[in-house]
Amino acid sequence: MLTRALFIILAVVSVVIAANEAYASPVETFEFEDEVTKVRFQELSKELRCPKCQNQNLADSNSTVASALRLELYNLLVEGRSDSEIIDLMVGRYGEFVLYRPRVSSVTYILWFGPALLILIGVIVVIVILRKQPANKANLALNTEQQTKLKQLLAESEGEHSTSKSTSQSTSDLVDKE
């Protein structure tokens, strides 16, 4: 009984330890000339996506491709390239996929303006629905002119109905006599 309890405790502890395993970020020791270049490197490595990984930036990816791109990014910064030059170079080589925030172009209009358009359409639909007044007694009540017209129509229909009844009765009387 005691060994079984110890086994269960050991199993629970090992599962908790395995679940809380920390994933190590890549550690690279790049030497920067100044703090500005270091910050630019960190920002660019967070904005550029690893071409191999599904949804990781260069800063978080452990892949060899990301490591090579970080080294290339470092070398480009040391050469004195601007951020836009570096981004243009990466986009030219890997396509728009390498950017976490794609540029506004005819290809990406739906990404940038689609959500706003859907919200606008939703607001218009809500306004149209709210403007339609529900049918209530005040809207359904007839004014005096409409009431007199209705009475006339009902009187005419009752007159036609009684006439057709008398005609049908006389027809049935004729049938019975024969």
N, C-alpha and C. Protein backbone atom coordinates (compact mmCIF):
# COMPACT_ATOMS: atom_id res chain seq x y z
N MET A 1 0.82 -1.18 0.00
CA MET A 1 0.00 0.00 0.00
C MET A 1 0.87 1.25 0.00
N LEU A 2 1.91 1.26 0.82
CA LEU A 2 2.81 2.41 0.90
C LEU A 2 3.59 2.58 -0.39
N THR A 3 4.02 1.47 -0.99
CA THR A 3 4.77 1.57 -2.26
C THR A 3 3.87 2.08 -3.37
N ARG A 4 2.63 1.69 -3.33
CA ARG A 4 1.69 2.17 -4.35
C ARG A 4 1.48 3.69 -4.23
N ALA A 5 1.33 4.18 -3.02
CA ALA A 5 1.17 5.62 -2.78
C ALA A 5 2.41 6.37 -3.22
N LEU A 6 3.60 5.82 -2.91
CA LEU A 6 4.84 6.45 -3.34
C LEU A 6 4.94 6.48 -4.86
N PHE A 7 4.52 5.41 -5.50
CA PHE A 7 4.54 5.35 -6.96
C PHE A 7 3.63 6.41 -7.56
N ILE A 8 2.45 6.60 -7.01
CA ILE A 8 1.50 7.59 -7.51
C ILE A 8 2.06 8.99 -7.31
N ILE A 9 2.64 9.26 -6.15
CA ILE A 9 3.23 10.57 -5.88
C ILE A 9 4.38 10.85 -6.84
N LEU A 10 5.22 9.86 -7.06
CA LEU A 10 6.34 10.01 -7.98
C LEU A 10 5.84 10.28 -9.40
N ALA A 11 4.78 9.60 -9.82
CA ALA A 11 4.22 9.80 -11.16
C ALA A 11 3.65 11.21 -11.30
N VAL A 12 2.94 11.68 -10.29
CA VAL A 12 2.36 13.03 -10.33
C VAL A 12 3.47 14.08 -10.38
N VAL A 13 4.50 13.91 -9.57
CA VAL A 13 5.60 14.87 -9.55
C VAL A 13 6.32 14.90 -10.89
N SER A 14 6.53 13.74 -11.50
CA SER A 14 7.22 13.71 -12.79
C SER A 14 6.36 14.35 -13.88
N VAL A 15 5.06 14.16 -13.83
CA VAL A 15 4.18 14.80 -14.81
C VAL A 15 4.20 16.32 -14.63
N VAL A 16 4.17 16.80 -13.41
CA VAL A 16 4.21 18.24 -13.15
C VAL A 16 5.53 18.83 -13.62
N ILE A 17 6.60 18.16 -13.37
CA ILE A 17 7.92 18.65 -13.81
C ILE A 17 8.00 18.67 -15.33
N ALA A 18 7.51 17.62 -15.97
CA ALA A 18 7.55 17.57 -17.43
C ALA A 18 6.66 18.65 -18.04
N ALA A 19 5.52 18.93 -17.42
CA ALA A 19 4.60 19.94 -17.96
C ALA A 19 5.17 21.35 -17.80
N ASN A 20 5.96 21.57 -16.79
CA ASN A 20 6.52 22.90 -16.54
C ASN A 20 7.91 23.08 -17.12
N GLU A 21 8.30 22.20 -18.00
CA GLU A 21 9.63 22.31 -18.60
C GLU A 21 9.73 23.61 -19.37
N ALA A 22 10.76 24.35 -19.10
CA ALA A 22 10.96 25.63 -19.77
C ALA A 22 11.68 25.42 -21.08
N TYR A 23 11.18 26.06 -22.11
CA TYR A 23 11.83 25.98 -23.41
C TYR A 23 12.86 27.10 -23.50
N ALA A 24 14.06 26.73 -23.83
CA ALA A 24 15.15 27.70 -23.87
C ALA A 24 15.10 28.51 -25.15
N SER A 25 15.28 29.79 -25.00
CA SER A 25 15.39 30.67 -26.17
C SER A 25 16.82 30.58 -26.68
N PRO A 26 17.01 30.87 -27.93
CA PRO A 26 18.37 30.82 -28.46
C PRO A 26 19.26 31.86 -27.77
N VAL A 27 20.46 31.44 -27.45
CA VAL A 27 21.40 32.34 -26.80
C VAL A 27 22.56 32.56 -27.75
N GLU A 28 22.71 33.80 -28.15
CA GLU A 28 23.82 34.15 -29.03
C GLU A 28 24.53 35.35 -28.42
N THR A 29 25.80 35.36 -28.55
CA THR A 29 26.58 36.43 -27.93
C THR A 29 27.12 37.36 -29.01
N PHE A 30 26.25 38.23 -29.48
CA PHE A 30 26.66 39.22 -30.46
C PHE A 30 27.19 40.43 -29.72
N GLU A 31 28.29 40.96 -30.19
CA GLU A 31 28.88 42.17 -29.61
C GLU A 31 28.43 43.36 -30.46
N PHE A 32 27.79 44.33 -29.83
CA PHE A 32 27.30 45.50 -30.54
C PHE A 32 28.13 46.72 -30.18
N GLU A 33 28.28 47.61 -31.15
CA GLU A 33 29.07 48.82 -30.95
C GLU A 33 28.41 49.76 -29.95
N ASP A 34 27.09 49.85 -30.04
CA ASP A 34 26.37 50.75 -29.15
C ASP A 34 25.02 50.14 -28.79
N GLU A 35 24.34 50.76 -27.86
CA GLU A 35 23.05 50.26 -27.38
C GLU A 35 21.96 50.41 -28.45
N VAL A 36 22.05 51.42 -29.29
CA VAL A 36 21.05 51.65 -30.35
C VAL A 36 21.05 50.48 -31.33
N THR A 37 22.20 50.01 -31.72
CA THR A 37 22.29 48.89 -32.66
C THR A 37 21.75 47.62 -32.02
N LYS A 38 22.01 47.45 -30.75
CA LYS A 38 21.50 46.28 -30.03
C LYS A 38 19.98 46.29 -30.00
N VAL A 39 19.40 47.46 -29.72
CA VAL A 39 17.94 47.59 -29.69
C VAL A 39 17.35 47.36 -31.08
N ARG A 40 18.01 47.90 -32.11
CA ARG A 40 17.54 47.67 -33.48
C ARG A 40 17.56 46.19 -33.82
N PHE A 41 18.63 45.50 -33.42
CA PHE A 41 18.73 44.06 -33.66
C PHE A 41 17.58 43.32 -32.99
N GLN A 42 17.31 43.67 -31.74
CA GLN A 42 16.23 43.00 -31.00
C GLN A 42 14.87 43.28 -31.64
N GLU A 43 14.64 44.51 -32.04
CA GLU A 43 13.36 44.86 -32.66
C GLU A 43 13.18 44.17 -34.01
N LEU A 44 14.21 44.19 -34.83
CA LEU A 44 14.12 43.54 -36.14
C LEU A 44 13.97 42.03 -36.01
N SER A 45 14.64 41.43 -35.06
CA SER A 45 14.52 39.98 -34.90
C SER A 45 13.14 39.60 -34.35
N LYS A 46 12.45 40.53 -33.72
CA LYS A 46 11.08 40.28 -33.27
C LYS A 46 10.07 40.52 -34.39
N GLU A 47 10.38 41.42 -35.32
CA GLU A 47 9.46 41.74 -36.42
C GLU A 47 9.58 40.79 -37.59
N LEU A 48 10.71 40.13 -37.73
CA LEU A 48 10.90 39.21 -38.85
C LEU A 48 10.55 37.80 -38.43
N ARG A 49 9.80 37.12 -39.27
CA ARG A 49 9.34 35.76 -38.99
C ARG A 49 10.35 34.76 -39.54
N CYS A 50 10.52 33.67 -38.82
CA CYS A 50 11.39 32.60 -39.28
C CYS A 50 10.73 31.91 -40.48
N PRO A 51 11.42 31.80 -41.62
CA PRO A 51 10.80 31.19 -42.80
C PRO A 51 10.51 29.70 -42.63
N LYS A 52 11.20 29.05 -41.74
CA LYS A 52 11.01 27.61 -41.54
C LYS A 52 9.90 27.32 -40.53
N CYS A 53 9.83 28.12 -39.51
CA CYS A 53 8.88 27.88 -38.42
C CYS A 53 7.48 28.37 -38.80
N GLN A 54 6.49 27.81 -38.14
CA GLN A 54 5.11 28.17 -38.46
C GLN A 54 4.78 29.58 -38.01
N ASN A 55 5.01 29.87 -36.74
CA ASN A 55 4.61 31.18 -36.25
C ASN A 55 5.56 31.65 -35.16
N GLN A 56 6.83 31.70 -35.48
CA GLN A 56 7.83 32.19 -34.54
C GLN A 56 8.66 33.26 -35.22
N ASN A 57 9.07 34.25 -34.44
CA ASN A 57 9.95 35.25 -35.00
C ASN A 57 11.39 34.78 -34.88
N LEU A 58 12.30 35.54 -35.44
CA LEU A 58 13.71 35.15 -35.41
C LEU A 58 14.25 35.10 -33.99
N ALA A 59 13.74 35.95 -33.13
CA ALA A 59 14.23 36.00 -31.75
C ALA A 59 13.86 34.75 -30.97
N ASP A 60 12.73 34.14 -31.27
CA ASP A 60 12.25 33.00 -30.49
C ASP A 60 12.56 31.65 -31.10
N SER A 61 12.95 31.61 -32.34
CA SER A 61 13.13 30.34 -33.04
C SER A 61 14.50 29.73 -32.75
N ASN A 62 14.51 28.41 -32.60
CA ASN A 62 15.76 27.67 -32.38
C ASN A 62 16.25 27.00 -33.66
N SER A 63 15.58 27.20 -34.76
CA SER A 63 15.96 26.50 -36.00
C SER A 63 17.28 27.04 -36.53
N THR A 64 17.93 26.24 -37.35
CA THR A 64 19.20 26.65 -37.93
C THR A 64 19.02 27.79 -38.93
N VAL A 65 17.87 27.82 -39.60
CA VAL A 65 17.58 28.91 -40.54
C VAL A 65 17.48 30.22 -39.77
N ALA A 66 16.77 30.21 -38.65
CA ALA A 66 16.63 31.42 -37.85
C ALA A 66 17.98 31.86 -37.30
N SER A 67 18.79 30.91 -36.89
CA SER A 67 20.12 31.24 -36.38
C SER A 67 20.97 31.91 -37.47
N ALA A 68 20.89 31.36 -38.68
CA ALA A 68 21.63 31.94 -39.80
C ALA A 68 21.11 33.33 -40.14
N LEU A 69 19.80 33.53 -40.07
CA LEU A 69 19.23 34.85 -40.35
C LEU A 69 19.58 35.85 -39.26
N ARG A 70 19.65 35.42 -38.02
CA ARG A 70 20.07 36.33 -36.96
C ARG A 70 21.52 36.78 -37.20
N LEU A 71 22.37 35.84 -37.60
CA LEU A 71 23.76 36.19 -37.91
C LEU A 71 23.82 37.17 -39.08
N GLU A 72 23.01 36.90 -40.11
CA GLU A 72 22.97 37.81 -41.26
C GLU A 72 22.43 39.17 -40.86
N LEU A 73 21.44 39.19 -40.01
CA LEU A 73 20.88 40.44 -39.51
C LEU A 73 21.95 41.22 -38.74
N TYR A 74 22.69 40.54 -37.92
CA TYR A 74 23.79 41.17 -37.17
C TYR A 74 24.82 41.77 -38.12
N ASN A 75 25.21 40.99 -39.12
CA ASN A 75 26.21 41.48 -40.08
C ASN A 75 25.71 42.70 -40.85
N LEU A 76 24.43 42.69 -41.23
CA LEU A 76 23.86 43.84 -41.96
C LEU A 76 23.82 45.08 -41.08
N LEU A 77 23.52 44.90 -39.80
CA LEU A 77 23.51 46.04 -38.89
C LEU A 77 24.93 46.58 -38.67
N VAL A 78 25.90 45.68 -38.58
CA VAL A 78 27.30 46.11 -38.40
C VAL A 78 27.78 46.86 -39.64
N GLU A 79 27.29 46.43 -40.82
CA GLU A 79 27.66 47.13 -42.07
C GLU A 79 27.07 48.53 -42.13
N GLY A 80 26.04 48.79 -41.33
CA GLY A 80 25.44 50.12 -41.31
C GLY A 80 24.18 50.23 -42.14
N ARG A 81 23.58 49.11 -42.50
CA ARG A 81 22.33 49.14 -43.29
C ARG A 81 21.19 49.66 -42.43
N SER A 82 20.25 50.32 -43.09
CA SER A 82 19.08 50.84 -42.37
C SER A 82 18.06 49.72 -42.19
N ASP A 83 17.10 49.96 -41.31
CA ASP A 83 16.06 48.96 -41.05
C ASP A 83 15.26 48.65 -42.30
N SER A 84 14.92 49.68 -43.07
CA SER A 84 14.13 49.45 -44.29
C SER A 84 14.93 48.66 -45.33
N GLU A 85 16.22 48.90 -45.42
CA GLU A 85 17.05 48.13 -46.35
C GLU A 85 17.09 46.66 -45.95
N ILE A 86 17.23 46.42 -44.66
CA ILE A 86 17.28 45.04 -44.16
C ILE A 86 15.95 44.34 -44.42
N ILE A 87 14.85 45.03 -44.14
CA ILE A 87 13.52 44.44 -44.35
C ILE A 87 13.29 44.17 -45.84
N ASP A 88 13.67 45.12 -46.70
CA ASP A 88 13.53 44.92 -48.15
C ASP A 88 14.35 43.72 -48.62
N LEU A 89 15.55 43.57 -48.08
CA LEU A 89 16.39 42.44 -48.45
C LEU A 89 15.75 41.11 -48.03
N MET A 90 15.22 41.07 -46.83
CA MET A 90 14.58 39.84 -46.32
C MET A 90 13.30 39.53 -47.11
N VAL A 91 12.51 40.56 -47.42
CA VAL A 91 11.28 40.35 -48.19
C VAL A 91 11.63 39.91 -49.60
N GLY A 92 12.66 40.48 -50.17
CA GLY A 92 13.09 40.07 -51.51
C GLY A 92 13.53 38.62 -51.55
N ARG A 93 14.13 38.16 -50.50
CA ARG A 93 14.63 36.79 -50.45
C ARG A 93 13.55 35.78 -50.05
N TYR A 94 12.70 36.14 -49.05
CA TYR A 94 11.75 35.17 -48.50
C TYR A 94 10.28 35.51 -48.74
N GLY A 95 10.01 36.65 -49.31
CA GLY A 95 8.63 37.03 -49.59
C GLY A 95 7.99 37.75 -48.40
N GLU A 96 6.74 38.18 -48.59
CA GLU A 96 6.01 38.92 -47.56
C GLU A 96 5.77 38.08 -46.31
N PHE A 97 5.89 36.76 -46.44
CA PHE A 97 5.66 35.88 -45.29
C PHE A 97 6.61 36.18 -44.14
N VAL A 98 7.78 36.70 -44.45
CA VAL A 98 8.80 36.95 -43.43
C VAL A 98 8.41 38.11 -42.51
N LEU A 99 7.43 38.90 -42.89
CA LEU A 99 6.99 40.03 -42.07
C LEU A 99 5.80 39.64 -41.21
N TYR A 100 5.85 39.98 -39.93
CA TYR A 100 4.69 39.75 -39.08
C TYR A 100 3.58 40.73 -39.40
N ARG A 101 3.92 41.95 -39.75
CA ARG A 101 2.95 42.97 -40.16
C ARG A 101 3.18 43.25 -41.63
N PRO A 102 2.43 42.59 -42.51
CA PRO A 102 2.66 42.80 -43.95
C PRO A 102 2.40 44.24 -44.36
N ARG A 103 3.04 44.64 -45.42
CA ARG A 103 2.88 46.00 -45.94
C ARG A 103 1.51 46.16 -46.57
N VAL A 104 1.03 47.39 -46.59
CA VAL A 104 -0.26 47.68 -47.24
C VAL A 104 -0.01 47.75 -48.73
N SER A 105 -0.62 46.80 -49.46
CA SER A 105 -0.52 46.77 -50.92
C SER A 105 -1.81 46.18 -51.46
N SER A 106 -1.92 46.13 -52.77
CA SER A 106 -3.15 45.60 -53.37
C SER A 106 -3.37 44.15 -52.98
N VAL A 107 -2.32 43.44 -52.68
CA VAL A 107 -2.44 42.03 -52.30
C VAL A 107 -2.92 41.89 -50.85
N THR A 108 -2.58 42.85 -50.01
CA THR A 108 -2.89 42.73 -48.58
C THR A 108 -4.02 43.65 -48.11
N TYR A 109 -4.75 44.27 -49.03
CA TYR A 109 -5.86 45.13 -48.62
C TYR A 109 -6.86 44.39 -47.75
N ILE A 110 -7.17 43.16 -48.10
CA ILE A 110 -8.16 42.39 -47.34
C ILE A 110 -7.69 42.16 -45.92
N LEU A 111 -6.38 41.97 -45.72
CA LEU A 111 -5.85 41.78 -44.37
C LEU A 111 -5.98 43.05 -43.53
N TRP A 112 -5.71 44.18 -44.15
CA TRP A 112 -5.70 45.43 -43.41
C TRP A 112 -7.09 46.02 -43.23
N PHE A 113 -7.92 45.96 -44.26
CA PHE A 113 -9.20 46.66 -44.22
C PHE A 113 -10.41 45.73 -44.09
N GLY A 114 -10.22 44.44 -44.23
CA GLY A 114 -11.32 43.48 -44.11
C GLY A 114 -12.03 43.52 -42.77
N PRO A 115 -11.30 43.47 -41.65
CA PRO A 115 -11.99 43.52 -40.35
C PRO A 115 -12.79 44.81 -40.14
N ALA A 116 -12.24 45.95 -40.55
CA ALA A 116 -12.96 47.21 -40.40
C ALA A 116 -14.22 47.21 -41.27
N LEU A 117 -14.11 46.65 -42.48
CA LEU A 117 -15.27 46.58 -43.37
C LEU A 117 -16.36 45.68 -42.77
N LEU A 118 -15.96 44.55 -42.19
CA LEU A 118 -16.94 43.66 -41.56
C LEU A 118 -17.62 44.34 -40.37
N ILE A 119 -16.88 45.09 -39.58
CA ILE A 119 -17.47 45.80 -38.45
C ILE A 119 -18.45 46.86 -38.95
N LEU A 120 -18.08 47.58 -40.01
CA LEU A 120 -18.96 48.61 -40.59
C LEU A 120 -20.26 47.97 -41.10
N ILE A 121 -20.16 46.86 -41.79
CA ILE A 121 -21.36 46.17 -42.28
C ILE A 121 -22.23 45.73 -41.11
N GLY A 122 -21.61 45.23 -40.06
CA GLY A 122 -22.36 44.82 -38.87
C GLY A 122 -23.10 45.98 -38.23
N VAL A 123 -22.45 47.13 -38.14
CA VAL A 123 -23.09 48.32 -37.55
C VAL A 123 -24.26 48.75 -38.41
N ILE A 124 -24.11 48.73 -39.73
CA ILE A 124 -25.21 49.11 -40.62
C ILE A 124 -26.39 48.16 -40.46
N VAL A 125 -26.11 46.86 -40.37
CA VAL A 125 -27.19 45.88 -40.19
C VAL A 125 -27.92 46.12 -38.87
N VAL A 126 -27.18 46.40 -37.81
CA VAL A 126 -27.80 46.66 -36.51
C VAL A 126 -28.66 47.91 -36.58
N ILE A 127 -28.19 48.96 -37.24
CA ILE A 127 -28.96 50.20 -37.36
C ILE A 127 -30.24 49.95 -38.15
N VAL A 128 -30.16 49.21 -39.24
CA VAL A 128 -31.35 48.91 -40.04
C VAL A 128 -32.36 48.12 -39.23
N ILE A 129 -31.89 47.16 -38.47
CA ILE A 129 -32.80 46.34 -37.65
C ILE A 129 -33.45 47.18 -36.57
N LEU A 130 -32.67 48.05 -35.93
CA LEU A 130 -33.23 48.88 -34.86
C LEU A 130 -34.19 49.94 -35.39
N ARG A 131 -34.01 50.40 -36.61
CA ARG A 131 -34.90 51.42 -37.18
C ARG A 131 -36.26 50.85 -37.57
N LYS A 132 -36.30 49.58 -37.88
CA LYS A 132 -37.60 48.97 -38.19
C LYS A 132 -38.40 48.94 -36.89
N GLN A 133 -39.57 49.62 -36.94
CA GLN A 133 -40.39 49.67 -35.74
C GLN A 133 -41.20 48.39 -35.64
N PRO A 134 -41.22 47.80 -34.48
CA PRO A 134 -42.03 46.60 -34.32
C PRO A 134 -43.52 46.96 -34.38
N ALA A 135 -44.32 46.01 -34.83
CA ALA A 135 -45.76 46.25 -34.94
C ALA A 135 -46.36 46.30 -33.54
N ASN A 136 -47.00 47.42 -33.22
CA ASN A 136 -47.69 47.54 -31.94
C ASN A 136 -49.10 48.05 -32.20
N LYS A 137 -49.89 48.16 -31.16
CA LYS A 137 -51.29 48.54 -31.34
C LYS A 137 -51.44 49.93 -31.95
N ALA A 138 -50.53 50.83 -31.60
CA ALA A 138 -50.62 52.19 -32.14
C ALA A 138 -50.38 52.18 -33.65
N ASN A 139 -49.47 51.35 -34.12
CA ASN A 139 -49.20 51.27 -35.56
C ASN A 139 -50.30 50.54 -36.31
N LEU A 140 -50.96 49.60 -35.64
CA LEU A 140 -51.97 48.80 -36.31
C LEU A 140 -53.37 49.41 -36.28
N ALA A 141 -53.61 50.40 -35.43
CA ALA A 141 -54.93 51.02 -35.31
C ALA A 141 -55.29 51.76 -36.59
N LEU A 142 -56.57 51.63 -36.99
CA LEU A 142 -57.06 52.29 -38.20
C LEU A 142 -57.59 53.68 -37.86
N ASN A 143 -57.35 54.62 -38.75
CA ASN A 143 -57.94 55.95 -38.54
C ASN A 143 -59.41 55.89 -38.97
N THR A 144 -60.13 56.98 -38.77
CA THR A 144 -61.59 56.98 -39.02
C THR A 144 -61.90 56.73 -40.49
N GLU A 145 -61.14 57.30 -41.38
CA GLU A 145 -61.38 57.09 -42.82
C GLU A 145 -61.22 55.62 -43.18
N GLN A 146 -60.17 55.00 -42.66
CA GLN A 146 -59.94 53.58 -42.95
C GLN A 146 -61.04 52.72 -42.33
N GLN A 147 -61.53 53.11 -41.15
CA GLN A 147 -62.59 52.34 -40.51
C GLN A 147 -63.89 52.39 -41.31
N THR A 148 -64.23 53.57 -41.84
CA THR A 148 -65.47 53.67 -42.63
C THR A 148 -65.35 52.87 -43.93
N LYS A 149 -64.17 52.91 -44.54
CA LYS A 149 -63.94 52.14 -45.77
C LYS A 149 -64.07 50.64 -45.50
N LEU A 150 -63.54 50.21 -44.34
CA LEU A 150 -63.62 48.80 -43.97
C LEU A 150 -65.07 48.39 -43.75
N LYS A 151 -65.86 49.23 -43.11
CA LYS A 151 -67.28 48.92 -42.87
C LYS A 151 -68.03 48.80 -44.19
N GLN A 152 -67.71 49.70 -45.15
CA GLN A 152 -68.36 49.64 -46.45
C GLN A 152 -68.02 48.32 -47.15
N LEU A 153 -66.73 47.96 -47.13
CA LEU A 153 -66.32 46.71 -47.77
C LEU A 153 -66.98 45.50 -47.13
N LEU A 154 -67.06 45.51 -45.81
CA LEU A 154 -67.71 44.39 -45.12
C LEU A 154 -69.20 44.33 -45.45
N ALA A 155 -69.85 45.49 -45.53
CA ALA A 155 -71.28 45.52 -45.86
C ALA A 155 -71.50 45.01 -47.28
N GLU A 156 -70.63 45.43 -48.21
CA GLU A 156 -70.76 44.95 -49.59
C GLU A 156 -70.54 43.44 -49.66
N SER A 157 -69.54 42.95 -48.92
CA SER A 157 -69.26 41.52 -48.98
C SER A 157 -70.40 40.72 -48.36
N GLU A 158 -71.03 41.26 -47.31
CA GLU A 158 -72.17 40.56 -46.69
C GLU A 158 -73.36 40.56 -47.65
N GLY A 159 -73.54 41.67 -48.38
CA GLY A 159 -74.62 41.74 -49.36
C GLY A 159 -74.41 40.73 -50.46
N GLU A 160 -73.18 40.62 -50.97
CA GLU A 160 -72.88 39.64 -52.02
C GLU A 160 -73.02 38.23 -51.49
N HIS A 161 -72.64 38.04 -50.25
CA HIS A 161 -72.71 36.72 -49.64
C HIS A 161 -74.17 36.28 -49.48
N SER A 162 -75.04 37.22 -49.04
CA SER A 162 -76.46 36.87 -48.87
C SER A 162 -77.11 36.64 -50.24
N THR A 163 -76.70 37.40 -51.27
CA THR A 163 -77.23 37.22 -52.61
C THR A 163 -76.82 35.87 -53.15
N SER A 164 -75.59 35.50 -52.97
CA SER A 164 -75.12 34.21 -53.48
C SER A 164 -75.77 33.08 -52.71
N LYS A 165 -76.10 33.31 -51.41
CA LYS A 165 -76.78 32.28 -50.63
C LYS A 165 -78.19 32.06 -51.17
N SER A 166 -78.88 33.15 -51.47
CA SER A 166 -80.26 33.00 -51.96
C SER A 166 -80.25 32.36 -53.34
N THR A 167 -79.25 32.68 -54.17
CA THR A 167 -79.15 32.08 -55.48
C THR A 167 -78.87 30.60 -55.36
N SER A 168 -78.00 30.23 -54.46
CA SER A 168 -77.67 28.81 -54.30
C SER A 168 -78.86 28.06 -53.71
N GLN A 169 -79.66 28.73 -52.84
CA GLN A 169 -80.82 28.08 -52.27
C GLN A 169 -81.87 27.85 -53.35
N SER A 170 -82.07 28.83 -54.21
CA SER A 170 -83.07 28.67 -55.27
C SER A 170 -82.63 27.59 -56.24
N THR A 171 -81.32 27.48 -56.50
CA THR A 171 -80.82 26.43 -57.38
C THR A 171 -81.05 25.08 -56.75
N SER A 172 -80.83 24.97 -55.46
CA SER A 172 -81.01 23.68 -54.79
C SER A 172 -82.50 23.33 -54.72
N ASP A 173 -83.40 24.35 -54.62
CA ASP A 173 -84.83 24.10 -54.61
C ASP A 173 -85.24 23.53 -55.98
N LEU A 174 -84.68 24.08 -57.07
CA LEU A 174 -85.01 23.59 -58.39
C LEU A 174 -84.56 22.14 -58.55
N VAL A 175 -83.43 21.83 -58.06
CA VAL A 175 -82.89 20.48 -58.17
C VAL A 175 -83.79 19.51 -57.41
N ASP A 176 -84.27 19.93 -56.24
CA ASP A 176 -85.10 19.07 -55.41
C ASP A 176 -86.46 18.81 -56.07
N LYS A 177 -86.99 19.81 -56.78
CA LYS A 177 -88.29 19.67 -57.43
C LYS A 177 -88.21 18.66 -58.57
N GLU A 178 -87.12 18.58 -59.20
CA GLU A 178 -87.00 17.68 -60.33
C GLU A 178 -86.86 16.32 -59.81
